[in-house]
C-alpha atoms as a PDB file:
ATOM      1  CA  VAL A   1      57.086 -28.397 -29.813  1.00  0.00           C
ATOM      2  CA  GLY A   2      53.090 -27.674 -30.194  1.00  0.00           C
ATOM      3  CA  LEU A   3      52.254 -31.362 -29.806  1.00  0.00           C
ATOM      4  CA  ASP A   4      54.496 -31.817 -26.325  1.00  0.00           C
ATOM      5  CA  VAL A   5      52.695 -29.329 -25.007  1.00  0.00           C
ATOM      6  CA  GLU A   6      49.245 -30.537 -25.684  1.00  0.00           C
ATOM      7  CA  ILE A   7      50.455 -33.869 -24.463  1.00  0.00           C
ATOM      8  CA  ASN A   8      51.544 -31.680 -21.464  1.00  0.00           C
ATOM      9  CA  GLY A   9      47.984 -29.954 -20.924  1.00  0.00           C
ATOM     10  CA  ASN A  10      49.237 -27.358 -18.445  1.00  0.00           C
ATOM     11  CA  ASN A  11      50.385 -24.079 -17.253  1.00  0.00           C
ATOM     12  CA  VAL A  12      52.991 -24.770 -20.372  1.00  0.00           C
ATOM     13  CA  THR A  13      49.935 -24.776 -22.575  1.00  0.00           C
ATOM     14  CA  SER A  14      48.987 -21.143 -21.281  1.00  0.00           C
ATOM     15  CA  VAL A  15      52.522 -19.993 -21.853  1.00  0.00           C
ATOM     16  CA  LYS A  16      53.112 -21.592 -25.313  1.00  0.00           C
ATOM     17  CA  SER A  17      49.640 -19.548 -26.047  1.00  0.00           C
ATOM     18  CA  ARG A  18      52.162 -16.634 -25.652  1.00  0.00           C
ATOM     19  CA  ARG A  19      54.283 -17.812 -27.899  1.00  0.00           C
ATOM     20  CA  VAL A  20      57.245 -16.863 -24.890  1.00  0.00           C
ATOM     21  CA  GLY A  21      60.908 -17.332 -26.083  1.00  0.00           C
ATOM     22  CA  PRO A  22      63.687 -17.876 -23.246  1.00  0.00           C
ATOM     23  CA  ASP A  23      61.050 -18.519 -20.637  1.00  0.00           C
ATOM     24  CA  ASP A  24      59.562 -21.152 -23.086  1.00  0.00           C
ATOM     25  CA  MET A  25      62.807 -23.402 -22.983  1.00  0.00           C
ATOM     26  CA  ALA A  26      62.900 -22.960 -19.445  1.00  0.00           C
ATOM     27  CA  LEU A  27      59.338 -23.954 -19.107  1.00  0.00           C
ATOM     28  CA  GLN A  28      60.164 -27.333 -21.275  1.00  0.00           C
ATOM     29  CA  ALA A  29      63.301 -27.713 -19.061  1.00  0.00           C
ATOM     30  CA  HIS A  30      60.885 -28.004 -15.814  1.00  0.00           C
ATOM     31  CA  VAL A  31      58.500 -30.132 -17.782  1.00  0.00           C
ATOM     32  CA  PRO A  32      59.802 -33.996 -17.997  1.00  0.00           C
END
């Protein structure tokens, strides 16, 4: 998943840094 976030390089990266749990899944769904 870390690689995916790097590729997107957006707000998702910030959230990933926080190591969010359920929120992370929601963000992943928003990211194409």
